[in-house]
Every structure is written in structure tokens, then in C-alpha cells.
N, C-alpha and C. Protein backbone atom coordinates (compact mmCIF):
# COMPACT_ATOMS: atom_id res chain seq x y z
N MET A 1 99.08 108.02 111.83
CA MET A 1 98.70 109.09 112.40
C MET A 1 97.44 108.42 113.35
N ALA A 2 97.52 109.10 114.63
CA ALA A 2 96.02 108.78 115.40
C ALA A 2 94.93 109.48 114.71
N LEU A 3 94.03 109.02 115.23
CA LEU A 3 92.78 109.95 114.97
C LEU A 3 92.59 111.34 115.28
N ASP A 4 91.87 111.90 114.54
CA ASP A 4 92.12 113.55 115.97
C ASP A 4 90.65 113.05 116.68
N SER A 5 90.71 113.95 117.81
CA SER A 5 89.89 113.58 119.07
C SER A 5 88.22 114.04 118.82
N ALA A 6 87.86 114.90 117.67
CA ALA A 6 86.53 115.41 116.97
C ALA A 6 86.26 113.90 116.53
N LYS A 7 86.97 113.39 115.52
CA LYS A 7 86.21 111.88 114.68
C LYS A 7 86.01 111.07 115.48
N LYS A 8 87.36 110.60 116.68
CA LYS A 8 87.41 109.87 117.53
C LYS A 8 86.12 109.83 118.18
N SER A 9 85.79 111.17 119.18
CA SER A 9 84.45 111.10 119.66
C SER A 9 83.34 110.82 118.78
N GLU A 10 82.83 111.46 117.94
CA GLU A 10 81.96 111.36 116.90
C GLU A 10 81.83 109.89 116.87
N LEU A 11 82.76 108.59 116.26
CA LEU A 11 82.63 107.69 115.80
C LEU A 11 82.09 106.92 117.60
N ILE A 12 82.66 106.95 118.36
CA ILE A 12 82.47 106.43 119.69
C ILE A 12 80.69 106.82 120.53
N ALA A 13 80.26 107.87 120.13
CA ALA A 13 79.23 108.24 120.37
C ALA A 13 78.10 107.50 119.50
N LYS A 14 78.51 107.25 118.39
CA LYS A 14 77.54 106.44 117.41
C LYS A 14 77.44 104.88 117.42
N PHE A 15 78.55 104.53 118.30
CA PHE A 15 78.77 102.98 118.71
C PHE A 15 78.78 102.24 120.16
N GLN A 16 78.75 103.56 120.89
CA GLN A 16 78.65 102.74 122.27
C GLN A 16 77.07 102.51 122.25
N ASN A 17 77.25 101.51 123.64
CA ASN A 17 76.37 100.88 124.19
C ASN A 17 75.89 101.77 125.25
N SER A 18 76.64 102.36 126.28
CA SER A 18 76.33 103.45 127.42
C SER A 18 76.96 104.53 126.99
N ASP A 19 76.79 105.53 127.86
CA ASP A 19 77.36 106.74 128.21
C ASP A 19 79.17 106.74 128.17
N LYS A 20 79.46 105.53 128.99
CA LYS A 20 80.48 105.88 129.26
C LYS A 20 81.68 104.37 128.78
N ASP A 21 80.77 103.93 127.45
CA ASP A 21 81.36 102.75 127.05
C ASP A 21 82.12 103.13 125.89
N THR A 22 83.29 102.97 126.29
CA THR A 22 84.67 103.37 125.27
C THR A 22 85.49 102.10 124.25
N GLY A 23 84.89 100.77 125.28
CA GLY A 23 85.64 100.02 124.82
C GLY A 23 85.19 98.39 124.12
N SER A 24 83.36 98.64 123.89
CA SER A 24 83.23 97.58 123.51
C SER A 24 83.54 97.17 122.19
N PRO A 25 83.51 95.90 121.59
CA PRO A 25 83.77 95.43 120.37
C PRO A 25 83.43 96.29 118.92
N ALA A 26 82.14 96.96 119.26
CA ALA A 26 81.84 97.63 118.19
C ALA A 26 82.51 98.82 117.97
N VAL A 27 82.56 99.70 119.34
CA VAL A 27 83.26 100.53 119.37
C VAL A 27 84.80 100.54 118.79
N GLN A 28 85.31 99.71 119.25
CA GLN A 28 86.94 99.12 118.98
C GLN A 28 87.02 98.90 117.00
N ILE A 29 85.78 97.98 116.91
CA ILE A 29 86.26 98.07 115.50
C ILE A 29 85.64 98.77 114.23
N ALA A 30 84.72 99.96 115.11
CA ALA A 30 84.68 101.21 114.53
C ALA A 30 85.96 102.16 114.28
N LEU A 31 86.66 102.55 115.57
CA LEU A 31 87.71 103.13 115.31
C LEU A 31 89.24 102.07 114.46
N LEU A 32 89.17 100.91 114.61
CA LEU A 32 90.22 100.34 113.84
C LEU A 32 89.77 100.45 112.40
N THR A 33 88.32 100.55 112.21
CA THR A 33 88.49 100.50 110.47
C THR A 33 88.46 102.01 109.94
N GLU A 34 88.00 102.65 110.68
CA GLU A 34 88.78 104.26 110.39
C GLU A 34 90.30 104.56 110.07
N ARG A 35 90.46 103.47 111.31
CA ARG A 35 92.59 103.86 110.96
C ARG A 35 92.81 102.67 109.74
N ILE A 36 92.46 102.12 109.26
CA ILE A 36 92.41 100.91 108.27
C ILE A 36 92.21 101.93 107.09
N ALA A 37 91.49 102.74 107.09
CA ALA A 37 91.16 103.34 106.11
C ALA A 37 92.04 104.56 105.72
N TYR A 38 92.68 105.02 106.73
CA TYR A 38 93.46 106.33 106.68
C TYR A 38 95.19 105.54 106.13
N LEU A 39 95.45 104.16 106.54
CA LEU A 39 96.76 103.84 106.33
C LEU A 39 96.29 103.31 104.90
N THR A 40 95.18 102.61 104.62
CA THR A 40 95.25 102.19 102.90
C THR A 40 95.33 103.50 101.70
N GLU A 41 94.91 104.68 102.14
CA GLU A 41 94.95 105.63 101.54
C GLU A 41 96.32 106.28 100.95
N HIS A 42 96.91 106.04 102.71
CA HIS A 42 98.74 106.48 103.04
C HIS A 42 99.69 105.33 102.15
N LEU A 43 99.12 104.65 102.04
CA LEU A 43 99.87 103.69 101.00
C LEU A 43 99.52 103.64 99.58
N LYS A 44 98.26 103.97 99.25
CA LYS A 44 98.56 104.40 97.88
C LYS A 44 99.41 105.57 97.55
N ALA A 45 99.66 106.08 98.73
CA ALA A 45 101.26 107.68 97.74
C ALA A 45 101.84 107.27 97.92
N ASN A 46 102.33 106.15 99.23
CA ASN A 46 103.58 105.61 99.61
C ASN A 46 103.73 104.25 99.34
N ALA A 47 104.19 103.60 98.35
CA ALA A 47 103.53 102.69 97.74
C ALA A 47 104.98 101.60 98.87
N LYS A 48 106.21 102.41 98.58
CA LYS A 48 106.97 101.38 99.55
C LYS A 48 107.38 101.61 101.06
N ASP A 49 106.15 102.36 101.66
CA ASP A 49 106.17 102.37 103.18
C ASP A 49 105.85 100.92 103.87
N HIS A 50 106.92 100.34 103.99
CA HIS A 50 106.87 98.87 104.07
C HIS A 50 106.28 98.89 105.56
N SER A 51 106.68 99.50 106.61
CA SER A 51 106.47 99.59 107.86
C SER A 51 105.12 99.82 108.34
N SER A 52 104.78 100.97 107.58
CA SER A 52 103.13 101.16 107.89
C SER A 52 102.23 99.78 107.13
N ARG A 53 102.64 99.40 106.02
CA ARG A 53 101.81 98.29 105.27
C ARG A 53 101.80 97.39 106.51
N LEU A 54 102.98 96.71 107.45
CA LEU A 54 103.23 95.52 108.50
C LEU A 54 102.11 96.13 109.40
N GLY A 55 101.98 97.57 109.64
CA GLY A 55 100.67 97.94 110.93
C GLY A 55 99.17 97.79 110.49
N LEU A 56 99.27 97.93 108.64
CA LEU A 56 98.12 97.85 108.36
C LEU A 56 97.27 96.22 108.42
N LEU A 57 98.62 95.73 107.76
CA LEU A 57 97.89 93.99 108.32
C LEU A 57 97.74 93.52 109.77
N LYS A 58 98.19 94.21 110.58
CA LYS A 58 98.32 93.84 112.27
C LYS A 58 96.68 94.42 112.50
N LEU A 59 96.43 95.57 111.81
CA LEU A 59 95.00 96.48 112.38
C LEU A 59 93.79 95.55 111.83
N VAL A 60 94.15 94.89 110.45
CA VAL A 60 93.34 94.10 109.80
C VAL A 60 93.19 92.99 110.60
N GLY A 61 94.18 92.40 111.01
CA GLY A 61 93.83 90.83 111.90
C GLY A 61 93.16 91.54 113.00
N GLN A 62 93.57 92.24 114.17
CA GLN A 62 92.77 92.41 115.33
C GLN A 62 91.25 92.88 114.69
N ARG A 63 91.28 93.75 113.67
CA ARG A 63 89.53 93.88 113.33
C ARG A 63 89.18 92.54 113.27
N ARG A 64 89.48 91.66 112.22
CA ARG A 64 88.90 90.60 112.21
C ARG A 64 88.72 89.61 113.15
N ARG A 65 89.53 89.56 114.31
CA ARG A 65 89.02 89.15 115.74
C ARG A 65 88.34 89.33 116.00
N LEU A 66 88.01 90.92 116.36
CA LEU A 66 87.02 91.44 117.04
C LEU A 66 85.69 91.23 116.19
N MET A 67 85.89 91.24 115.09
CA MET A 67 84.54 90.68 114.47
C MET A 67 83.79 89.30 114.53
N ARG A 68 85.08 88.38 114.51
CA ARG A 68 84.73 87.30 115.12
C ARG A 68 84.10 87.05 116.43
N TYR A 69 84.71 87.42 117.19
CA TYR A 69 84.52 87.77 119.05
C TYR A 69 82.88 88.17 118.53
N LEU A 70 82.29 89.63 117.94
CA LEU A 70 81.32 90.20 118.01
C LEU A 70 80.38 89.36 117.34
N LYS A 71 80.44 88.56 116.24
CA LYS A 71 79.81 87.70 115.38
C LYS A 71 79.01 86.37 116.53
N ARG A 72 79.98 86.00 117.41
CA ARG A 72 79.57 84.98 118.04
C ARG A 72 78.22 85.56 119.53
N LYS A 73 79.22 86.60 120.12
CA LYS A 73 78.59 87.01 121.31
C LYS A 73 76.91 87.94 121.03
N ASP A 74 77.00 88.40 120.03
CA ASP A 74 75.70 89.17 120.12
C ASP A 74 75.61 89.39 118.19
N ALA A 75 75.02 88.84 117.23
CA ALA A 75 74.65 88.69 116.16
C ALA A 75 74.15 89.46 115.10
N LYS A 76 72.97 90.12 116.27
CA LYS A 76 72.61 91.41 116.03
C LYS A 76 72.98 92.14 116.01
N LYS A 77 73.95 92.71 116.72
CA LYS A 77 74.90 94.01 116.81
C LYS A 77 75.77 94.05 115.53
N TYR A 78 76.19 92.52 115.62
CA TYR A 78 77.73 92.61 114.43
C TYR A 78 76.78 92.72 113.00
N SER A 79 75.91 92.74 113.16
CA SER A 79 75.05 92.89 111.90
C SER A 79 74.82 94.24 111.46
N GLU A 80 74.53 95.40 112.77
CA GLU A 80 74.44 96.58 112.63
C GLU A 80 75.94 97.18 112.21
N VAL A 81 76.90 96.48 112.91
CA VAL A 81 77.63 97.40 112.68
C VAL A 81 78.79 97.06 111.55
N ILE A 82 78.43 95.75 110.61
CA ILE A 82 79.39 95.84 109.53
C ILE A 82 78.34 96.67 108.56
N SER A 83 76.84 96.77 108.52
CA SER A 83 75.95 97.72 107.62
C SER A 83 76.31 98.95 107.62
N ALA A 84 76.93 99.23 108.99
CA ALA A 84 77.25 100.71 109.38
C ALA A 84 78.25 101.23 109.05
N LEU A 85 79.09 100.16 108.37
CA LEU A 85 80.75 100.74 108.21
C LEU A 85 80.98 100.23 106.77
N ASN A 86 80.06 99.52 106.17
CA ASN A 86 79.86 98.98 105.04
C ASN A 86 81.42 98.26 104.63
N ILE A 87 81.64 96.92 105.70
CA ILE A 87 82.29 96.11 105.44
C ILE A 87 81.58 95.03 105.46
N ARG A 88 82.67 93.90 104.57
CA ARG A 88 82.18 92.71 104.06
C ARG A 88 81.85 91.55 104.79
N ASP A 89 80.66 90.58 105.27
CA ASP A 89 80.83 89.68 105.90
C ASP A 89 81.35 88.64 105.42
N ARG A 90 82.41 87.87 105.92
CA ARG A 90 83.19 87.00 105.57
C ARG A 90 82.53 85.66 105.58
N ALA A 91 81.63 85.37 106.20
CA ALA A 91 81.11 83.88 106.51
C ALA A 91 79.82 83.26 105.60
């Protein structure tokens, strides 16, 4: 299930760099984190849903790549994002 528009708008507003920014790495990481949390809860209740599990793994990999990119380009913003979203730093 996709995020509802209110939650999505809230996340974009919190992590955007400017008024029209919707695609920066920080925003994408925040949106992916929310989808990952939703799928994690879904899989706790539906353990045999293997197609959702595959989707979850793809989302985690995509978020990992974006986090690596953000850390390389803007370490300060990276630190802010992982502290705001409670994500572990793997480095």
C-alpha cells in the first residue's frame, strides 16, 4: 500500500531543502523508511507473503544506496537524516 498523501506531504515538508524539493536524497530516504516500516509490520502479520518480502528487500537496498550517496555528498545532512529517522549508521 502506498503512503497516504497527508503523511507523505508531512515527510516531504520535514526533509525538503526548498519549497519545490520533492526528490532530494533526504526526502527519498524518509519516504522509503516509512514504506519499509509499513511493510515490516505487514510481514509480522503475514509471514508467508513472499512477494512483499522481496519488495521489502528491494526497498532496503534502494535506501542503502541513497544513504551511501548522501553520506558521500553531504555528511552533515546524512547525520541529520539518520538521527531524525532513527536509522543505524553502518560505517
